[in-house]
């Protein structure tokens, strides 16, 4: 089994609904994102998938989130913008662009992350 990982980042603000604590207030993060693709066999060039291709697909999604108030985005109108839900959202967006994602992790700071893996 082979796996490759690319990373990206974005900055955004959000507040958690139905949460009793500081995160209920508007606040922001500099998110780090890790995208992992796994395959059993390499392609004819000896790659799982080209890193450039993965970065392009990931950054297309992250650019749409960068410097946004996540609660105002259509998806997060009805879905609480927790780290877990943000990871699933990015996973779904990148997957819908044709990338066979195994897992997607978002880090809201250097010691706290959430991973979505179906």
N, C-alpha and C. Protein backbone atom coordinates (compact mmCIF):
# COMPACT_ATOMS: atom_id res chain seq x y z
N UNK A 1 0.85 -1.17 0.00
CA UNK A 1 0.00 0.00 0.00
C UNK A 1 0.90 1.24 0.00
N UNK A 2 0.53 2.20 -0.83
CA UNK A 2 1.27 3.46 -0.92
C UNK A 2 0.36 4.60 -0.49
N UNK A 3 0.94 5.59 0.16
CA UNK A 3 0.16 6.78 0.49
C UNK A 3 0.99 8.02 0.23
N UNK A 4 0.30 9.07 -0.15
CA UNK A 4 0.93 10.38 -0.31
C UNK A 4 0.10 11.39 0.46
N UNK A 5 0.77 12.46 0.89
CA UNK A 5 0.09 13.49 1.67
C UNK A 5 0.54 14.85 1.17
N UNK A 6 -0.42 15.75 1.04
CA UNK A 6 -0.11 17.16 0.78
C UNK A 6 -0.76 17.98 1.88
N UNK A 7 -0.22 19.16 2.09
CA UNK A 7 -0.72 20.04 3.13
C UNK A 7 -1.08 21.39 2.54
N UNK A 8 -1.99 22.05 3.16
CA UNK A 8 -2.37 23.40 2.79
C UNK A 8 -2.82 24.14 4.03
N UNK A 9 -3.21 25.38 3.85
CA UNK A 9 -3.67 26.15 4.99
C UNK A 9 -4.63 27.24 4.53
N UNK A 10 -5.40 27.72 5.48
CA UNK A 10 -6.29 28.85 5.24
C UNK A 10 -6.60 29.49 6.58
N UNK A 11 -7.05 30.72 6.53
CA UNK A 11 -7.45 31.44 7.74
C UNK A 11 -8.94 31.74 7.62
N UNK A 12 -9.65 31.56 8.71
CA UNK A 12 -11.08 31.86 8.69
C UNK A 12 -11.57 32.11 10.11
N UNK A 13 -12.78 32.65 10.16
CA UNK A 13 -13.45 32.88 11.45
C UNK A 13 -14.69 32.01 11.50
N UNK A 14 -15.11 31.71 12.71
CA UNK A 14 -16.36 30.97 12.92
C UNK A 14 -16.78 31.13 14.37
N UNK A 15 -17.96 30.69 14.65
CA UNK A 15 -18.39 30.52 16.04
C UNK A 15 -19.25 29.27 16.08
N UNK A 16 -19.15 28.56 17.18
CA UNK A 16 -19.88 27.30 17.33
C UNK A 16 -21.25 27.57 17.92
N UNK A 17 -22.26 27.06 17.25
CA UNK A 17 -23.63 27.18 17.73
C UNK A 17 -23.90 26.07 18.75
N UNK A 18 -24.79 26.37 19.70
CA UNK A 18 -25.20 25.39 20.71
C UNK A 18 -24.02 24.87 21.53
N UNK A 19 -23.03 25.71 21.74
CA UNK A 19 -21.85 25.37 22.51
C UNK A 19 -21.75 26.35 23.66
N UNK A 20 -21.56 25.85 24.83
CA UNK A 20 -21.45 26.72 25.99
C UNK A 20 -19.99 26.86 26.36
N UNK A 21 -19.40 27.95 25.97
CA UNK A 21 -17.99 28.19 26.25
C UNK A 21 -17.46 29.28 25.33
N UNK A 22 -16.15 29.52 25.41
CA UNK A 22 -15.53 30.60 24.65
C UNK A 22 -15.73 30.47 23.15
N UNK A 23 -15.78 29.26 22.64
CA UNK A 23 -15.88 29.06 21.19
C UNK A 23 -17.25 29.39 20.63
N UNK A 24 -18.20 29.71 21.52
CA UNK A 24 -19.50 30.18 21.08
C UNK A 24 -19.38 31.60 20.51
N UNK A 25 -18.36 32.32 20.94
CA UNK A 25 -18.11 33.67 20.43
C UNK A 25 -17.33 33.61 19.12
N UNK A 26 -17.48 34.64 18.34
CA UNK A 26 -16.74 34.75 17.09
C UNK A 26 -15.24 34.71 17.37
N UNK A 27 -14.52 33.85 16.65
CA UNK A 27 -13.07 33.74 16.78
C UNK A 27 -12.51 33.16 15.49
N UNK A 28 -11.20 33.16 15.34
CA UNK A 28 -10.59 32.68 14.11
C UNK A 28 -9.46 31.72 14.35
N UNK A 29 -9.09 31.04 13.26
CA UNK A 29 -7.98 30.10 13.28
C UNK A 29 -7.16 30.24 12.01
N UNK A 30 -5.90 29.88 12.12
CA UNK A 30 -5.05 29.64 10.97
C UNK A 30 -4.99 28.12 10.82
N UNK A 31 -5.87 27.58 9.98
CA UNK A 31 -6.04 26.14 9.84
C UNK A 31 -4.92 25.54 9.00
N UNK A 32 -4.46 24.39 9.42
CA UNK A 32 -3.56 23.57 8.61
C UNK A 32 -4.39 22.36 8.15
N UNK A 33 -4.22 21.96 6.90
CA UNK A 33 -5.00 20.87 6.34
C UNK A 33 -4.06 19.83 5.76
N UNK A 34 -4.32 18.55 6.08
CA UNK A 34 -3.53 17.43 5.55
C UNK A 34 -4.47 16.51 4.77
N UNK A 35 -4.15 16.28 3.51
CA UNK A 35 -4.94 15.41 2.65
C UNK A 35 -4.11 14.17 2.32
N UNK A 36 -4.68 12.98 2.52
CA UNK A 36 -3.96 11.72 2.27
C UNK A 36 -4.71 10.91 1.21
N UNK A 37 -3.95 10.43 0.23
CA UNK A 37 -4.47 9.54 -0.81
C UNK A 37 -3.70 8.22 -0.70
N UNK A 38 -4.41 7.11 -0.77
CA UNK A 38 -3.81 5.78 -0.65
C UNK A 38 -4.20 4.95 -1.87
N UNK A 39 -3.22 4.22 -2.40
CA UNK A 39 -3.48 3.28 -3.50
C UNK A 39 -2.62 2.04 -3.30
N UNK A 40 -3.12 0.93 -3.81
CA UNK A 40 -2.36 -0.32 -3.73
C UNK A 40 -1.27 -0.40 -4.79
N UNK A 41 -1.50 0.23 -5.93
CA UNK A 41 -0.53 0.16 -7.03
C UNK A 41 -0.19 1.56 -7.53
N UNK A 42 1.00 1.68 -8.04
CA UNK A 42 1.44 2.95 -8.60
C UNK A 42 0.98 3.06 -10.05
N UNK A 43 0.87 4.29 -10.53
CA UNK A 43 0.52 4.49 -11.93
C UNK A 43 1.75 4.21 -12.80
N UNK A 44 1.62 4.27 -14.13
CA UNK A 44 2.76 3.94 -15.01
C UNK A 44 4.00 4.81 -14.79
N UNK A 45 3.84 6.01 -14.20
CA UNK A 45 5.01 6.85 -13.95
C UNK A 45 5.66 6.55 -12.60
N UNK A 46 5.06 5.63 -11.83
CA UNK A 46 5.61 5.27 -10.53
C UNK A 46 5.10 6.13 -9.40
N UNK A 47 3.92 6.74 -9.59
CA UNK A 47 3.34 7.61 -8.57
C UNK A 47 1.98 7.10 -8.12
N UNK A 48 1.60 7.48 -6.90
CA UNK A 48 0.22 7.30 -6.47
C UNK A 48 -0.63 8.31 -7.23
N UNK A 49 -0.23 9.55 -7.14
CA UNK A 49 -0.84 10.66 -7.87
C UNK A 49 0.15 11.82 -7.80
N UNK A 50 0.15 12.66 -8.78
CA UNK A 50 1.07 13.79 -8.84
C UNK A 50 0.78 14.78 -7.70
N UNK A 51 1.81 15.14 -6.96
CA UNK A 51 1.65 16.11 -5.87
C UNK A 51 1.07 17.43 -6.36
N UNK A 52 1.51 17.87 -7.52
CA UNK A 52 1.03 19.14 -8.08
C UNK A 52 -0.49 19.08 -8.27
N UNK A 53 -0.98 17.99 -8.83
CA UNK A 53 -2.41 17.80 -9.04
C UNK A 53 -3.16 17.86 -7.71
N UNK A 54 -2.65 17.14 -6.70
CA UNK A 54 -3.31 17.13 -5.39
C UNK A 54 -3.35 18.52 -4.77
N UNK A 55 -2.22 19.23 -4.83
CA UNK A 55 -2.17 20.58 -4.26
C UNK A 55 -3.15 21.51 -4.96
N UNK A 56 -3.24 21.40 -6.29
CA UNK A 56 -4.19 22.24 -7.04
C UNK A 56 -5.62 22.00 -6.60
N UNK A 57 -6.00 20.73 -6.48
CA UNK A 57 -7.37 20.39 -6.08
C UNK A 57 -7.65 20.85 -4.65
N UNK A 58 -6.70 20.63 -3.75
CA UNK A 58 -6.88 21.05 -2.36
C UNK A 58 -6.97 22.57 -2.27
N UNK A 59 -6.07 23.27 -2.94
CA UNK A 59 -6.05 24.73 -2.82
C UNK A 59 -7.27 25.38 -3.44
N UNK A 60 -7.88 24.76 -4.43
CA UNK A 60 -9.12 25.29 -4.98
C UNK A 60 -10.18 25.36 -3.89
N UNK A 61 -10.28 24.32 -3.08
CA UNK A 61 -11.25 24.29 -1.98
C UNK A 61 -10.83 25.27 -0.88
N UNK A 62 -9.57 25.25 -0.49
CA UNK A 62 -9.12 26.10 0.61
C UNK A 62 -9.21 27.58 0.26
N UNK A 63 -8.96 27.92 -1.00
CA UNK A 63 -9.05 29.33 -1.41
C UNK A 63 -10.46 29.88 -1.21
N UNK A 64 -11.47 29.02 -1.38
CA UNK A 64 -12.85 29.45 -1.19
C UNK A 64 -13.20 29.64 0.29
N UNK A 65 -12.41 29.05 1.19
CA UNK A 65 -12.62 29.18 2.63
C UNK A 65 -11.77 30.28 3.25
N UNK A 66 -10.71 30.66 2.56
CA UNK A 66 -9.73 31.59 3.13
C UNK A 66 -10.34 32.96 3.39
N UNK A 67 -10.11 33.47 4.58
CA UNK A 67 -10.59 34.77 5.03
C UNK A 67 -12.10 34.91 4.93
N UNK A 68 -12.80 33.83 5.25
CA UNK A 68 -14.26 33.83 5.25
C UNK A 68 -14.76 33.63 6.68
N UNK A 69 -15.97 34.09 6.90
CA UNK A 69 -16.70 33.77 8.13
C UNK A 69 -17.49 32.51 7.78
N UNK A 70 -17.01 31.36 8.26
CA UNK A 70 -17.54 30.07 7.82
C UNK A 70 -19.04 29.94 8.05
N UNK A 71 -19.55 30.49 9.13
CA UNK A 71 -20.98 30.39 9.44
C UNK A 71 -21.85 30.98 8.33
N UNK A 72 -21.32 31.88 7.53
CA UNK A 72 -22.09 32.51 6.45
C UNK A 72 -22.09 31.69 5.17
N UNK A 73 -21.24 30.68 5.06
CA UNK A 73 -21.21 29.86 3.84
C UNK A 73 -22.43 28.95 3.81
N UNK A 74 -22.99 28.71 2.63
CA UNK A 74 -24.23 27.91 2.55
C UNK A 74 -24.17 26.58 3.30
N UNK A 75 -23.09 25.83 3.18
CA UNK A 75 -22.99 24.52 3.83
C UNK A 75 -23.11 24.63 5.35
N UNK A 76 -22.49 25.68 5.89
CA UNK A 76 -22.44 25.82 7.34
C UNK A 76 -23.62 26.62 7.91
N UNK A 77 -24.58 26.94 7.08
CA UNK A 77 -25.81 27.57 7.59
C UNK A 77 -26.57 26.57 8.47
N UNK A 78 -26.52 25.28 8.08
CA UNK A 78 -27.24 24.24 8.82
C UNK A 78 -26.33 23.23 9.50
N UNK A 79 -25.03 23.33 9.25
CA UNK A 79 -24.05 22.42 9.84
C UNK A 79 -23.11 23.26 10.70
N UNK A 80 -22.98 22.89 11.96
CA UNK A 80 -22.12 23.62 12.87
C UNK A 80 -20.67 23.55 12.37
N UNK A 81 -19.97 24.69 12.24
CA UNK A 81 -18.61 24.68 11.69
C UNK A 81 -17.55 24.24 12.71
N UNK A 82 -17.71 23.03 13.21
CA UNK A 82 -16.71 22.43 14.10
C UNK A 82 -15.54 21.95 13.26
N UNK A 83 -14.43 21.66 13.89
CA UNK A 83 -13.28 21.11 13.17
C UNK A 83 -13.66 19.83 12.45
N UNK A 84 -14.45 18.99 13.10
CA UNK A 84 -14.88 17.73 12.51
C UNK A 84 -15.69 17.96 11.23
N UNK A 85 -16.64 18.89 11.29
CA UNK A 85 -17.46 19.17 10.12
C UNK A 85 -16.70 19.89 9.01
N UNK A 86 -15.74 20.71 9.39
CA UNK A 86 -14.89 21.35 8.39
C UNK A 86 -14.05 20.30 7.66
N UNK A 87 -13.52 19.32 8.40
CA UNK A 87 -12.75 18.24 7.77
C UNK A 87 -13.61 17.47 6.78
N UNK A 88 -14.83 17.14 7.15
CA UNK A 88 -15.73 16.42 6.24
C UNK A 88 -16.07 17.27 5.03
N UNK A 89 -16.34 18.55 5.24
CA UNK A 89 -16.66 19.44 4.13
C UNK A 89 -15.52 19.47 3.11
N UNK A 90 -14.29 19.68 3.58
CA UNK A 90 -13.15 19.74 2.65
C UNK A 90 -12.97 18.40 1.97
N UNK A 91 -13.08 17.30 2.73
CA UNK A 91 -12.99 15.95 2.16
C UNK A 91 -13.99 15.80 1.01
N UNK A 92 -15.24 16.13 1.26
CA UNK A 92 -16.29 15.98 0.26
C UNK A 92 -16.02 16.84 -0.97
N UNK A 93 -15.57 18.06 -0.76
CA UNK A 93 -15.30 18.95 -1.89
C UNK A 93 -14.15 18.44 -2.76
N UNK A 94 -13.08 17.98 -2.13
CA UNK A 94 -11.93 17.48 -2.89
C UNK A 94 -12.29 16.16 -3.58
N UNK A 95 -13.03 15.31 -2.89
CA UNK A 95 -13.47 14.04 -3.48
C UNK A 95 -14.37 14.28 -4.69
N UNK A 96 -15.26 15.26 -4.60
CA UNK A 96 -16.15 15.55 -5.72
C UNK A 96 -15.39 16.09 -6.92
N UNK A 97 -14.16 16.55 -6.71
CA UNK A 97 -13.31 17.00 -7.82
C UNK A 97 -12.54 15.84 -8.43
N UNK A 98 -12.82 14.61 -7.96
CA UNK A 98 -12.21 13.43 -8.56
C UNK A 98 -10.99 12.88 -7.85
N UNK A 99 -10.65 13.41 -6.70
CA UNK A 99 -9.48 12.93 -5.96
C UNK A 99 -9.91 11.81 -5.02
N UNK A 100 -9.24 10.64 -5.09
CA UNK A 100 -9.60 9.52 -4.21
C UNK A 100 -8.99 9.68 -2.81
N UNK A 101 -9.58 10.55 -2.02
CA UNK A 101 -9.05 10.89 -0.70
C UNK A 101 -9.32 9.75 0.28
N UNK A 102 -8.29 9.40 1.06
CA UNK A 102 -8.45 8.42 2.13
C UNK A 102 -8.86 9.11 3.43
N UNK A 103 -8.16 10.20 3.74
CA UNK A 103 -8.47 10.94 4.97
C UNK A 103 -8.10 12.40 4.79
N UNK A 104 -8.76 13.22 5.61
CA UNK A 104 -8.48 14.64 5.61
C UNK A 104 -8.48 15.12 7.04
N UNK A 105 -7.41 15.80 7.43
CA UNK A 105 -7.25 16.31 8.79
C UNK A 105 -7.16 17.82 8.76
N UNK A 106 -7.87 18.46 9.67
CA UNK A 106 -7.72 19.90 9.86
C UNK A 106 -7.17 20.14 11.26
N UNK A 107 -6.18 21.00 11.33
CA UNK A 107 -5.58 21.41 12.60
C UNK A 107 -6.03 22.83 12.87
N UNK A 108 -6.69 23.06 14.01
CA UNK A 108 -7.09 24.42 14.36
C UNK A 108 -6.00 25.15 15.13
N UNK A 109 -5.06 24.39 15.67
CA UNK A 109 -3.86 24.94 16.28
C UNK A 109 -2.82 23.81 16.32
N UNK A 110 -1.66 24.06 16.92
CA UNK A 110 -0.59 23.07 16.84
C UNK A 110 -0.84 21.81 17.65
N UNK A 111 -1.86 21.83 18.51
CA UNK A 111 -2.08 20.66 19.35
C UNK A 111 -3.49 20.06 19.26
N UNK A 112 -4.32 20.55 18.32
CA UNK A 112 -5.69 20.05 18.23
C UNK A 112 -6.09 19.88 16.77
N UNK A 113 -6.52 18.67 16.42
CA UNK A 113 -6.94 18.40 15.05
C UNK A 113 -8.14 17.47 15.03
N UNK A 114 -8.80 17.43 13.88
CA UNK A 114 -9.91 16.51 13.64
C UNK A 114 -9.69 15.88 12.27
N UNK A 115 -9.97 14.59 12.17
CA UNK A 115 -9.79 13.85 10.92
C UNK A 115 -11.10 13.25 10.49
N UNK A 116 -11.38 13.36 9.17
CA UNK A 116 -12.51 12.66 8.59
C UNK A 116 -11.97 11.59 7.65
N UNK A 117 -12.43 10.37 7.88
CA UNK A 117 -12.06 9.22 7.05
C UNK A 117 -13.29 8.33 6.97
N UNK A 118 -13.89 8.19 5.78
CA UNK A 118 -15.12 7.38 5.69
C UNK A 118 -14.87 5.91 5.96
